Structure formats: structure tokens, C-alpha cells
Amino acid sequence: MRDDDEFPDWRIRYGWAELMTDSNDKNDSTLSASQEDYLEAIYEVVEAKGAVRSKDLAKRLNVGASSVTGALRVLSEKGFINYAPYDVITLTKQGRLIASDISSRHEAILEFFVKVLGLPKNEAGEVACKMEHMLSPSIMLRLTQFVDFTSVCPRGGQNWLDSFRYYCQHGTLNEDCAECFSEPDQDKNPQQDS
């Protein structure tokens, strides 16, 4: 078991601490992007409605009932869900951890695209759904740290992000950037009185 102080606030915020703590207990079964989508959908529907059935997943994922049945059987065999035909579907402890992680990765990528890059939420959501399956933990860490950094950096914050959006739209720096670059750096060039 790892000490809590090994997990900065950002990792706890996105639910990664518990998943990484239990990483030695993980089922060796790997999941495809499609199977991860099913776990994420089960997790999100349960969070919203309290229970999920096959028809809820078919509607949410825009797939046929036979596709849902096949995916649920595989996820059940791998030990990630409790499934019986015509009954509610529940996540096992390991399934819940993985589904929560997938959902957290999606939210972190979405936040980066919307808050930092200024992309429309619908476009950002579609791309986040694809990327959540591909990014390594170290890349997710860096991406999340960058989002957090932009909100606390004295030269960052909303003005910095607005300047970035201006640059993306116009291809040039705005006046705020020009002023920032022209300010003398007092720490590097201290002026001494003669």
C-alpha cells in the first residue's frame, strides 16, 4: 500500500490514487477500447440513474442488443461486471475502479481541450472519447499537471489562456503578450544605483 502523500491532489481529483494502489491486484485481462466504452457507459448510467440494463447501454452507445449481450458476457467472464440476462448490470470492485479511471481520463482530456485549448465542448468530447483509451498514465499526468499549472501560474490564468486563444484565431500575439515580453526581468537584471 502506498502512502497518501505520494498522490498529489490532481491524482485524487481524477480518481487515480485508488486504481494505482490496487495495480498489483489487477486482473491480467486487457480491455479493448470498445470494452472500455461499455464499462464507462455502465459506470455513468449507474451514477446517473442508480441502475443499468442492457437496453440502456444499447441506446447510450448506439449499438444493437446482440452487440451489448456479447460485450457484457466478455466483461462478465473477465470479472469486471455482474451480468445475467434480463437483470440489472453491476460493476465488480475491479470493474468500478477501471470504469472510474476511464471516466476520469475522459474528463481530464475534455477539461484540457475546453479550458486550455478553447475547443467547443461537443468536438472536445468526441476526441476525448477516442483519446481516453490511448494515453499512457505518464501523459495523462503531464496533461493534468499542465491544466492545473495554467490556473496557478502568475503569468498563466485566464489572461494567459485568452492570449493563447487570440493567437490561435489571429496568428499573432495580442497586446498583453507584447507587454509581457517587453517587461524587464527584475530578478535577472537587478539595477543598481550609482
C-alpha atoms as a PDB file:
ATOM      1  CA  MET A   1       0.000   0.000   0.000  1.00  0.00           C
ATOM      2  CA  ARG A   2       1.320   3.450  -0.883  1.00  0.00           C
ATOM      3  CA  ASP A   3       1.294   6.444   1.404  1.00  0.00           C
ATOM      4  CA  ASP A   4      -1.350   9.067   0.659  1.00  0.00           C
ATOM      5  CA  ASP A   5       1.329  11.730   0.318  1.00  0.00           C
ATOM      6  CA  GLU A   6       2.563  10.048  -2.873  1.00  0.00           C
ATOM      7  CA  PHE A   7      -0.638  11.135  -4.630  1.00  0.00           C
ATOM      8  CA  PRO A   8      -0.885  14.853  -5.367  1.00  0.00           C
ATOM      9  CA  ASP A   9      -4.342  16.440  -5.261  1.00  0.00           C
ATOM     10  CA  TRP A  10      -4.756  16.213  -9.043  1.00  0.00           C
ATOM     11  CA  ARG A  11      -4.478  12.422  -8.971  1.00  0.00           C
ATOM     12  CA  ILE A  12      -7.041  12.129  -6.195  1.00  0.00           C
ATOM     13  CA  ARG A  13      -9.265  14.599  -8.085  1.00  0.00           C
ATOM     14  CA  TYR A  14      -9.335  12.275 -11.069  1.00  0.00           C
ATOM     15  CA  GLY A  15      -9.662   9.054  -9.045  1.00  0.00           C
ATOM     16  CA  TRP A  16      -6.286   7.559  -9.946  1.00  0.00           C
ATOM     17  CA  ALA A  17      -4.920   7.072  -6.440  1.00  0.00           C
ATOM     18  CA  GLU A  18      -7.045   4.041  -5.585  1.00  0.00           C
ATOM     19  CA  LEU A  19      -6.526   2.450  -9.001  1.00  0.00           C
ATOM     20  CA  MET A  20      -2.740   2.793  -8.783  1.00  0.00           C
ATOM     21  CA  THR A  21      -2.720   1.498  -5.203  1.00  0.00           C
ATOM     22  CA  ASP A  22      -4.516  -1.658  -6.330  1.00  0.00           C
ATOM     23  CA  SER A  23      -2.464  -2.079  -9.516  1.00  0.00           C
ATOM     24  CA  ASN A  24      -0.774  -5.248  -8.231  1.00  0.00           C
ATOM     25  CA  ASP A  25      -4.188  -6.863  -7.782  1.00  0.00           C
ATOM     26  CA  LYS A  26      -5.328  -6.060 -11.322  1.00  0.00           C
ATOM     27  CA  ASN A  27      -6.837  -8.734 -13.467  1.00  0.00           C
ATOM     28  CA  ASP A  28      -4.339  -9.565 -16.235  1.00  0.00           C
ATOM     29  CA  SER A  29      -7.100  -9.346 -18.823  1.00  0.00           C
ATOM     30  CA  THR A  30      -6.683  -6.458 -21.184  1.00  0.00           C
ATOM     31  CA  LEU A  31      -9.607  -4.444 -22.433  1.00  0.00           C
ATOM     32  CA  SER A  32     -10.264  -3.190 -25.931  1.00  0.00           C
ATOM     33  CA  ALA A  33     -11.365   0.407 -26.478  1.00  0.00           C
ATOM     34  CA  SER A  34     -14.887  -0.894 -27.104  1.00  0.00           C
ATOM     35  CA  GLN A  35     -14.930  -2.849 -23.836  1.00  0.00           C
ATOM     36  CA  GLU A  36     -13.680   0.237 -22.002  1.00  0.00           C
ATOM     37  CA  ASP A  37     -16.541   2.202 -23.582  1.00  0.00           C
ATOM     38  CA  TYR A  38     -19.016  -0.339 -22.180  1.00  0.00           C
ATOM     39  CA  LEU A  39     -17.505  -0.135 -18.699  1.00  0.00           C
ATOM     40  CA  GLU A  40     -17.557   3.662 -18.825  1.00  0.00           C
ATOM     41  CA  ALA A  41     -21.172   3.679 -20.016  1.00  0.00           C
ATOM     42  CA  ILE A  42     -22.230   1.260 -17.263  1.00  0.00           C
ATOM     43  CA  TYR A  43     -20.456   3.430 -14.688  1.00  0.00           C
ATOM     44  CA  GLU A  44     -22.008   6.679 -15.919  1.00  0.00           C
ATOM     45  CA  VAL A  45     -25.540   5.299 -16.250  1.00  0.00           C
ATOM     46  CA  VAL A  46     -25.369   3.807 -12.747  1.00  0.00           C
ATOM     47  CA  GLU A  47     -24.100   7.162 -11.412  1.00  0.00           C
ATOM     48  CA  ALA A  48     -26.996   8.988 -13.113  1.00  0.00           C
ATOM     49  CA  LYS A  49     -29.872   6.514 -12.694  1.00  0.00           C
ATOM     50  CA  GLY A  50     -28.774   4.123  -9.968  1.00  0.00           C
ATOM     51  CA  ALA A  51     -29.108   1.027 -12.190  1.00  0.00           C
ATOM     52  CA  VAL A  52     -28.392  -0.041 -15.755  1.00  0.00           C
ATOM     53  CA  ARG A  53     -29.895  -2.618 -18.096  1.00  0.00           C
ATOM     54  CA  SER A  54     -28.810  -3.859 -21.494  1.00  0.00           C
ATOM     55  CA  LYS A  55     -31.310  -1.641 -23.306  1.00  0.00           C
ATOM     56  CA  ASP A  56     -29.829   1.447 -21.572  1.00  0.00           C
ATOM     57  CA  LEU A  57     -26.404   0.567 -22.940  1.00  0.00           C
ATOM     58  CA  ALA A  58     -27.699  -0.124 -26.439  1.00  0.00           C
ATOM     59  CA  LYS A  59     -29.337   3.292 -26.505  1.00  0.00           C
ATOM     60  CA  ARG A  60     -26.370   5.144 -24.983  1.00  0.00           C
ATOM     61  CA  LEU A  61     -23.750   3.504 -27.205  1.00  0.00           C
ATOM     62  CA  ASN A  62     -25.996   3.411 -30.274  1.00  0.00           C
ATOM     63  CA  VAL A  63     -25.477  -0.317 -30.846  1.00  0.00           C
ATOM     64  CA  GLY A  64     -27.711  -3.331 -31.281  1.00  0.00           C
ATOM     65  CA  ALA A  65     -28.913  -5.572 -28.469  1.00  0.00           C
ATOM     66  CA  SER A  66     -26.806  -8.523 -29.675  1.00  0.00           C
ATOM     67  CA  SER A  67     -23.647  -6.393 -29.542  1.00  0.00           C
ATOM     68  CA  VAL A  68     -24.454  -5.396 -25.982  1.00  0.00           C
ATOM     69  CA  THR A  69     -25.089  -9.010 -24.951  1.00  0.00           C
ATOM     70  CA  GLY A  70     -21.765 -10.155 -26.431  1.00  0.00           C
ATOM     71  CA  ALA A  71     -19.797  -7.380 -24.757  1.00  0.00           C
ATOM     72  CA  LEU A  72     -21.483  -7.958 -21.405  1.00  0.00           C
ATOM     73  CA  ARG A  73     -20.687 -11.667 -21.497  1.00  0.00           C
ATOM     74  CA  VAL A  74     -16.999 -10.932 -22.146  1.00  0.00           C
ATOM     75  CA  LEU A  75     -16.832  -8.298 -19.391  1.00  0.00           C
ATOM     76  CA  SER A  76     -18.536 -10.723 -17.007  1.00  0.00           C
ATOM     77  CA  GLU A  77     -16.072 -13.504 -17.897  1.00  0.00           C
ATOM     78  CA  LYS A  78     -13.180 -11.116 -17.221  1.00  0.00           C
ATOM     79  CA  GLY A  79     -14.653 -10.336 -13.802  1.00  0.00           C
ATOM     80  CA  PHE A  80     -15.466  -6.662 -14.372  1.00  0.00           C
ATOM     81  CA  ILE A  81     -19.272  -6.852 -14.167  1.00  0.00           C
ATOM     82  CA  ASN A  82     -22.037  -8.962 -12.684  1.00  0.00           C
ATOM     83  CA  TYR A  83     -24.364  -9.870 -15.525  1.00  0.00           C
ATOM     84  CA  ALA A  84     -27.342 -12.116 -16.034  1.00  0.00           C
ATOM     85  CA  PRO A  85     -29.758 -11.759 -18.982  1.00  0.00           C
ATOM     86  CA  TYR A  86     -32.798  -9.553 -18.222  1.00  0.00           C
ATOM     87  CA  ASP A  87     -31.328  -8.395 -14.907  1.00  0.00           C
ATOM     88  CA  VAL A  88     -29.615  -5.198 -13.834  1.00  0.00           C
ATOM     89  CA  ILE A  89     -25.890  -4.955 -14.551  1.00  0.00           C
ATOM     90  CA  THR A  90     -23.486  -4.071 -11.758  1.00  0.00           C
ATOM     91  CA  LEU A  91     -19.775  -3.409 -11.686  1.00  0.00           C
ATOM     92  CA  THR A  92     -17.455  -5.538  -9.579  1.00  0.00           C
ATOM     93  CA  LYS A  93     -14.961  -3.709  -7.356  1.00  0.00           C
ATOM     94  CA  GLN A  94     -12.260  -4.025 -10.026  1.00  0.00           C
ATOM     95  CA  GLY A  95     -14.724  -3.079 -12.767  1.00  0.00           C
ATOM     96  CA  ARG A  96     -15.751   0.026 -10.850  1.00  0.00           C
ATOM     97  CA  LEU A  97     -12.117   1.070 -10.362  1.00  0.00           C
ATOM     98  CA  ILE A  98     -11.352   0.682 -14.053  1.00  0.00           C
ATOM     99  CA  ALA A  99     -14.584   2.356 -15.174  1.00  0.00           C
ATOM    100  CA  SER A 100     -13.959   5.261 -12.815  1.00  0.00           C
ATOM    101  CA  ASP A 101     -10.441   5.617 -14.206  1.00  0.00           C
ATOM    102  CA  ILE A 102     -11.713   5.626 -17.800  1.00  0.00           C
ATOM    103  CA  SER A 103     -14.326   8.241 -16.947  1.00  0.00           C
ATOM    104  CA  SER A 104     -11.696  10.337 -15.153  1.00  0.00           C
ATOM    105  CA  ARG A 105      -9.327  10.171 -18.131  1.00  0.00           C
ATOM    106  CA  HIS A 106     -12.174  11.328 -20.368  1.00  0.00           C
ATOM    107  CA  GLU A 107     -12.958  14.268 -18.067  1.00  0.00           C
ATOM    108  CA  ALA A 108      -9.285  15.281 -17.799  1.00  0.00           C
ATOM    109  CA  ILE A 109      -8.823  15.293 -21.584  1.00  0.00           C
ATOM    110  CA  LEU A 110     -12.125  17.116 -22.062  1.00  0.00           C
ATOM    111  CA  GLU A 111     -11.078  19.743 -19.495  1.00  0.00           C
ATOM    112  CA  PHE A 112      -7.761  20.264 -21.308  1.00  0.00           C
ATOM    113  CA  PHE A 113      -9.453  20.679 -24.684  1.00  0.00           C
ATOM    114  CA  VAL A 114     -12.153  23.039 -23.419  1.00  0.00           C
ATOM    115  CA  LYS A 115     -10.336  25.087 -20.756  1.00  0.00           C
ATOM    116  CA  VAL A 116      -6.845  25.254 -22.253  1.00  0.00           C
ATOM    117  CA  LEU A 117      -7.310  24.875 -25.995  1.00  0.00           C
ATOM    118  CA  GLY A 118     -10.719  26.589 -26.088  1.00  0.00           C
ATOM    119  CA  LEU A 119     -12.341  23.933 -28.267  1.00  0.00           C
ATOM    120  CA  PRO A 120     -16.136  23.539 -28.418  1.00  0.00           C
ATOM    121  CA  LYS A 121     -17.352  21.009 -25.841  1.00  0.00           C
ATOM    122  CA  ASN A 122     -19.054  18.695 -28.371  1.00  0.00           C
ATOM    123  CA  GLU A 123     -15.922  18.409 -30.533  1.00  0.00           C
ATOM    124  CA  ALA A 124     -13.715  18.060 -27.466  1.00  0.00           C
ATOM    125  CA  GLY A 125     -15.964  15.301 -26.106  1.00  0.00           C
ATOM    126  CA  GLU A 126     -15.791  13.260 -29.295  1.00  0.00           C
ATOM    127  CA  VAL A 127     -11.999  13.426 -29.436  1.00  0.00           C
ATOM    128  CA  ALA A 128     -11.635  12.807 -25.683  1.00  0.00           C
ATOM    129  CA  CYS A 129     -13.683   9.630 -26.108  1.00  0.00           C
ATOM    130  CA  LYS A 130     -11.133   8.327 -28.606  1.00  0.00           C
ATOM    131  CA  MET A 131      -8.022   9.506 -26.780  1.00  0.00           C
ATOM    132  CA  GLU A 132      -9.001   8.223 -23.334  1.00  0.00           C
ATOM    133  CA  HIS A 133      -8.075   4.706 -24.466  1.00  0.00           C
ATOM    134  CA  MET A 134      -4.668   5.578 -25.893  1.00  0.00           C
ATOM    135  CA  LEU A 135      -2.881   7.921 -23.492  1.00  0.00           C
ATOM    136  CA  SER A 136      -0.418   6.440 -21.037  1.00  0.00           C
ATOM    137  CA  PRO A 137      -0.580   7.319 -17.338  1.00  0.00           C
ATOM    138  CA  SER A 138       2.542   9.491 -17.680  1.00  0.00           C
ATOM    139  CA  ILE A 139       0.955  11.538 -20.480  1.00  0.00           C
ATOM    140  CA  MET A 140      -2.287  11.860 -18.501  1.00  0.00           C
ATOM    141  CA  LEU A 141      -0.233  13.026 -15.534  1.00  0.00           C
ATOM    142  CA  ARG A 142       1.524  15.697 -17.567  1.00  0.00           C
ATOM    143  CA  LEU A 143      -1.674  16.857 -19.247  1.00  0.00           C
ATOM    144  CA  THR A 144      -3.445  17.203 -15.910  1.00  0.00           C
ATOM    145  CA  GLN A 145      -0.467  18.966 -14.347  1.00  0.00           C
ATOM    146  CA  PHE A 146      -0.463  21.434 -17.255  1.00  0.00           C
ATOM    147  CA  VAL A 147      -4.161  22.240 -16.780  1.00  0.00           C
ATOM    148  CA  ASP A 148      -3.553  22.785 -13.070  1.00  0.00           C
ATOM    149  CA  PHE A 149      -0.410  24.860 -13.762  1.00  0.00           C
ATOM    150  CA  THR A 150      -2.253  27.211 -16.096  1.00  0.00           C
ATOM    151  CA  SER A 151      -4.641  28.086 -13.278  1.00  0.00           C
ATOM    152  CA  VAL A 152      -1.939  28.851 -10.683  1.00  0.00           C
ATOM    153  CA  CYS A 153       0.967  30.292 -12.708  1.00  0.00           C
ATOM    154  CA  PRO A 154       1.287  34.088 -12.208  1.00  0.00           C
ATOM    155  CA  ARG A 155       1.764  34.511 -15.955  1.00  0.00           C
ATOM    156  CA  GLY A 156      -0.942  31.940 -16.614  1.00  0.00           C
ATOM    157  CA  GLY A 157      -4.556  32.048 -15.626  1.00  0.00           C
ATOM    158  CA  GLN A 158      -7.451  33.237 -17.728  1.00  0.00           C
ATOM    159  CA  ASN A 159      -5.498  36.121 -19.328  1.00  0.00           C
ATOM    160  CA  TRP A 160      -2.839  33.714 -20.490  1.00  0.00           C
ATOM    161  CA  LEU A 161      -5.454  31.366 -21.942  1.00  0.00           C
ATOM    162  CA  ASP A 162      -7.295  34.260 -23.619  1.00  0.00           C
ATOM    163  CA  SER A 163      -3.996  35.341 -25.178  1.00  0.00           C
ATOM    164  CA  PHE A 164      -3.480  31.794 -26.453  1.00  0.00           C
ATOM    165  CA  ARG A 165      -6.959  31.752 -27.995  1.00  0.00           C
ATOM    166  CA  TYR A 166      -6.267  35.133 -29.619  1.00  0.00           C
ATOM    167  CA  TYR A 167      -3.062  33.713 -31.091  1.00  0.00           C
ATOM    168  CA  CYS A 168      -4.948  30.671 -32.432  1.00  0.00           C
ATOM    169  CA  GLN A 169      -7.575  32.874 -34.095  1.00  0.00           C
ATOM    170  CA  HIS A 170      -5.297  35.614 -35.447  1.00  0.00           C
ATOM    171  CA  GLY A 171      -1.856  34.015 -35.789  1.00  0.00           C
ATOM    172  CA  THR A 172      -0.214  36.875 -33.863  1.00  0.00           C
ATOM    173  CA  LEU A 173       0.375  37.842 -30.266  1.00  0.00           C
ATOM    174  CA  ASN A 174      -2.066  40.245 -28.673  1.00  0.00           C
ATOM    175  CA  GLU A 175      -1.013  43.442 -26.919  1.00  0.00           C
ATOM    176  CA  ASP A 176      -0.885  41.770 -23.500  1.00  0.00           C
ATOM    177  CA  CYS A 177       1.757  39.325 -24.759  1.00  0.00           C
ATOM    178  CA  ALA A 178       3.848  42.105 -26.288  1.00  0.00           C
ATOM    179  CA  GLU A 179       3.775  43.976 -22.951  1.00  0.00           C
ATOM    180  CA  CYS A 180       4.690  40.815 -21.049  1.00  0.00           C
ATOM    181  CA  PHE A 181       7.739  40.193 -23.237  1.00  0.00           C
ATOM    182  CA  SER A 182       8.882  43.800 -23.092  1.00  0.00           C
ATOM    183  CA  GLU A 183       8.856  43.986 -19.269  1.00  0.00           C
ATOM    184  CA  PRO A 184      12.382  43.786 -17.852  1.00  0.00           C
ATOM    185  CA  ASP A 185      13.024  40.768 -15.681  1.00  0.00           C
ATOM    186  CA  GLN A 186      13.926  42.281 -12.324  1.00  0.00           C
ATOM    187  CA  ASP A 187      15.408  39.043 -10.968  1.00  0.00           C
ATOM    188  CA  LYS A 188      17.875  38.559 -13.818  1.00  0.00           C
ATOM    189  CA  ASN A 189      18.913  42.208 -14.314  1.00  0.00           C
ATOM    190  CA  PRO A 190      18.853  43.999 -10.992  1.00  0.00           C
ATOM    191  CA  GLN A 191      19.557  47.675 -11.451  1.00  0.00           C
ATOM    192  CA  GLN A 192      21.969  49.187  -9.013  1.00  0.00           C
ATOM    193  CA  ASP A 193      22.091  52.849  -8.108  1.00  0.00           C
ATOM    194  CA  SER A 194      25.392  54.570  -8.761  1.00  0.00           C
END
